[in-house]
Structure formats: structure tokens, C-alpha cells
């Protein structure tokens, strides 16, 4: 046994190499603070949880950056929408930015008002 303290291999240069390759295929994103706060506040006021607001804000900010439009212009287009319309638009934007193997869906109300099943029966 040695009297030297044990060192974890991940704390040495291996940690820097691991961090480099973990982020190799991802692009770092940076946005102005006022843009981030505005988008987070917008979705926070409309009933989104903190985590959901962060996720949607990240997608919208990156999409606005890709399209070269100000994020405030994007938020202005969402102002007149009701909660259900906003949820549908957010689901479409999130689906556009997801892998094609998974998607977010939403349900719509059924046209049949009562619980019984309606069918055509020929006698």
C-alpha cells in the first residue's frame, strides 16, 4: 500500500478529453439574456412549468437564430393564440426539431357526444 492519496482517473486529463468528445457533435448555443428571459417569461405566464418553458424556449431561440429573425418577432406571432392553439403550435415546433422516430401528439375531442358507439347496421 502507498501512503499517497488515490486519484480518480476521471479527474485528470481524461476528464478534459471526455468532455471534449461528449460535446464534439453538439454546437454550443449562446443567446442574449433579455431574449432568454422574455421567452421564459412568455411561456411561464401561459401556464408552462419551468422545465417545459426552458425546453420550449431553447427550441424557439435556436429556431429563431437559424431563421435569422428576432425572437421578439416570433413571440409577436404567438400573442393572439389561445392556450390550446399555443399548445398545438408548440407541439409542431418541437416535433420539427425532434428525431423523426418520435413525436409529440395531442388529442382532439371526438365528434360523437355520447359514450355509445354509433354504427350503421343493415338488416
Protein backbone atom coordinates (compact mmCIF):
# COMPACT_ATOMS: atom_id res chain seq x y z
CA UNK A 1 0.00 0.00 0.00
CA UNK A 2 1.03 3.54 -0.68
CA UNK A 3 0.62 6.50 1.60
CA UNK A 4 -0.27 8.70 -1.38
CA UNK A 5 -3.90 9.63 -1.82
CA UNK A 6 -5.72 7.72 -4.50
CA UNK A 7 -6.55 9.70 -7.62
CA UNK A 8 -9.55 9.13 -9.74
CA UNK A 9 -8.64 8.70 -13.41
CA UNK A 10 -11.64 10.79 -14.49
CA UNK A 11 -10.31 13.82 -12.59
CA UNK A 12 -7.09 14.04 -14.58
CA UNK A 13 -6.58 14.78 -18.25
CA UNK A 14 -9.08 12.04 -19.08
CA UNK A 15 -11.88 14.29 -17.84
CA UNK A 16 -10.96 17.03 -20.31
CA UNK A 17 -10.77 14.54 -23.16
CA UNK A 18 -14.12 13.01 -22.21
CA UNK A 19 -15.77 16.43 -22.03
CA UNK A 20 -14.32 17.37 -25.41
CA UNK A 21 -15.65 14.27 -27.16
CA UNK A 22 -19.00 14.40 -25.36
CA UNK A 23 -19.57 17.84 -26.86
CA UNK A 24 -17.85 17.20 -30.19
CA UNK A 25 -21.00 16.86 -32.28
CA UNK A 26 -23.04 19.44 -30.41
CA UNK A 27 -22.96 23.10 -31.20
CA UNK A 28 -22.80 25.45 -28.24
CA UNK A 29 -25.64 27.91 -28.14
CA UNK A 30 -25.49 31.43 -26.76
CA UNK A 31 -28.33 33.91 -26.66
CA UNK A 32 -28.73 37.39 -25.21
CA UNK A 33 -30.04 37.35 -21.66
CA UNK A 34 -33.01 39.59 -22.40
CA UNK A 35 -34.16 37.24 -25.20
CA UNK A 36 -33.96 34.21 -22.91
CA UNK A 37 -35.80 35.98 -20.09
CA UNK A 38 -38.51 37.23 -22.46
CA UNK A 39 -39.21 33.78 -23.90
CA UNK A 40 -39.12 32.09 -20.48
CA UNK A 41 -41.49 34.73 -19.11
CA UNK A 42 -43.85 34.38 -22.05
CA UNK A 43 -44.30 30.66 -21.57
CA UNK A 44 -44.25 30.91 -17.77
CA UNK A 45 -47.22 33.31 -17.87
CA UNK A 46 -49.14 30.90 -20.07
CA UNK A 47 -49.05 28.03 -17.59
CA UNK A 48 -45.97 26.14 -18.73
CA UNK A 49 -43.88 24.57 -15.95
CA UNK A 50 -40.30 25.77 -15.51
CA UNK A 51 -38.81 22.74 -17.25
CA UNK A 52 -41.28 22.89 -20.12
CA UNK A 53 -40.68 26.63 -20.54
CA UNK A 54 -36.91 26.04 -20.67
CA UNK A 55 -37.24 23.26 -23.24
CA UNK A 56 -39.61 25.21 -25.49
CA UNK A 57 -37.55 28.39 -25.10
CA UNK A 58 -34.37 26.62 -26.14
CA UNK A 59 -36.02 25.26 -29.27
CA UNK A 60 -37.63 28.58 -30.20
CA UNK A 61 -34.45 30.57 -29.58
CA UNK A 62 -32.37 28.22 -31.70
CA UNK A 63 -35.01 28.18 -34.44
CA UNK A 64 -35.14 31.98 -34.46
CA UNK A 65 -31.36 32.06 -34.75
CA UNK A 66 -31.42 29.59 -37.65
CA UNK A 67 -34.10 31.60 -39.46
CA UNK A 68 -32.31 34.92 -38.74
CA UNK A 69 -35.38 36.53 -37.22
CA UNK A 70 -35.60 38.32 -33.87
CA UNK A 71 -37.15 36.17 -31.16
CA UNK A 72 -39.49 39.04 -30.25
CA UNK A 73 -40.98 38.89 -33.75
CA UNK A 74 -41.57 35.18 -33.23
CA UNK A 75 -43.28 35.85 -29.88
CA UNK A 76 -45.47 38.52 -31.50
CA UNK A 77 -46.86 35.91 -33.88
CA UNK A 78 -47.89 33.77 -30.89
CA UNK A 79 -49.65 36.56 -28.96
CA UNK A 80 -53.20 36.09 -30.26
CA UNK A 81 -53.33 32.34 -29.72
CA UNK A 82 -55.46 30.64 -27.08
CA UNK A 83 -53.96 28.01 -24.77
CA UNK A 84 -54.96 25.06 -26.93
CA UNK A 85 -53.77 26.75 -30.12
CA UNK A 86 -50.47 27.62 -28.42
CA UNK A 87 -50.03 24.02 -27.28
CA UNK A 88 -50.63 22.79 -30.82
CA UNK A 89 -48.10 25.24 -32.28
CA UNK A 90 -45.53 24.33 -29.63
CA UNK A 91 -46.06 20.62 -30.32
CA UNK A 92 -45.50 21.22 -34.06
CA UNK A 93 -42.31 23.22 -33.43
CA UNK A 94 -40.98 20.60 -31.03
CA UNK A 95 -41.79 17.80 -33.47
CA UNK A 96 -39.98 19.65 -36.22
CA UNK A 97 -36.83 19.75 -34.09
CA UNK A 98 -37.03 16.15 -32.81
CA UNK A 99 -35.79 12.92 -34.30
CA UNK A 100 -38.17 11.53 -36.88
CA UNK A 101 -38.59 8.33 -34.86
CA UNK A 102 -40.52 10.08 -32.08
CA UNK A 103 -43.10 12.80 -32.00
CA UNK A 104 -45.32 14.66 -29.57
CA UNK A 105 -49.02 14.32 -30.12
CA UNK A 106 -52.18 15.84 -28.78
CA UNK A 107 -55.73 14.64 -28.68
CA UNK A 108 -58.74 16.31 -30.16
CA UNK A 109 -62.30 15.99 -28.97
CA UNK A 110 -64.40 13.29 -30.54
CA UNK A 111 -67.35 14.42 -32.68
CA UNK A 112 -69.62 11.84 -31.05
CA UNK A 113 -71.12 13.43 -27.96
CA UNK A 114 -72.39 10.38 -26.11
CA UNK A 115 -70.37 7.42 -24.89
CA UNK A 116 -72.10 4.80 -27.03
CA UNK A 117 -70.63 3.74 -30.29
CA UNK A 118 -72.52 4.71 -33.42
CA UNK A 119 -72.57 2.39 -36.40
CA UNK A 120 -74.60 1.59 -39.42
CA UNK A 121 -76.43 -1.69 -39.12
CA UNK A 122 -78.08 -3.14 -42.23
CA UNK A 123 -80.94 -5.54 -41.68
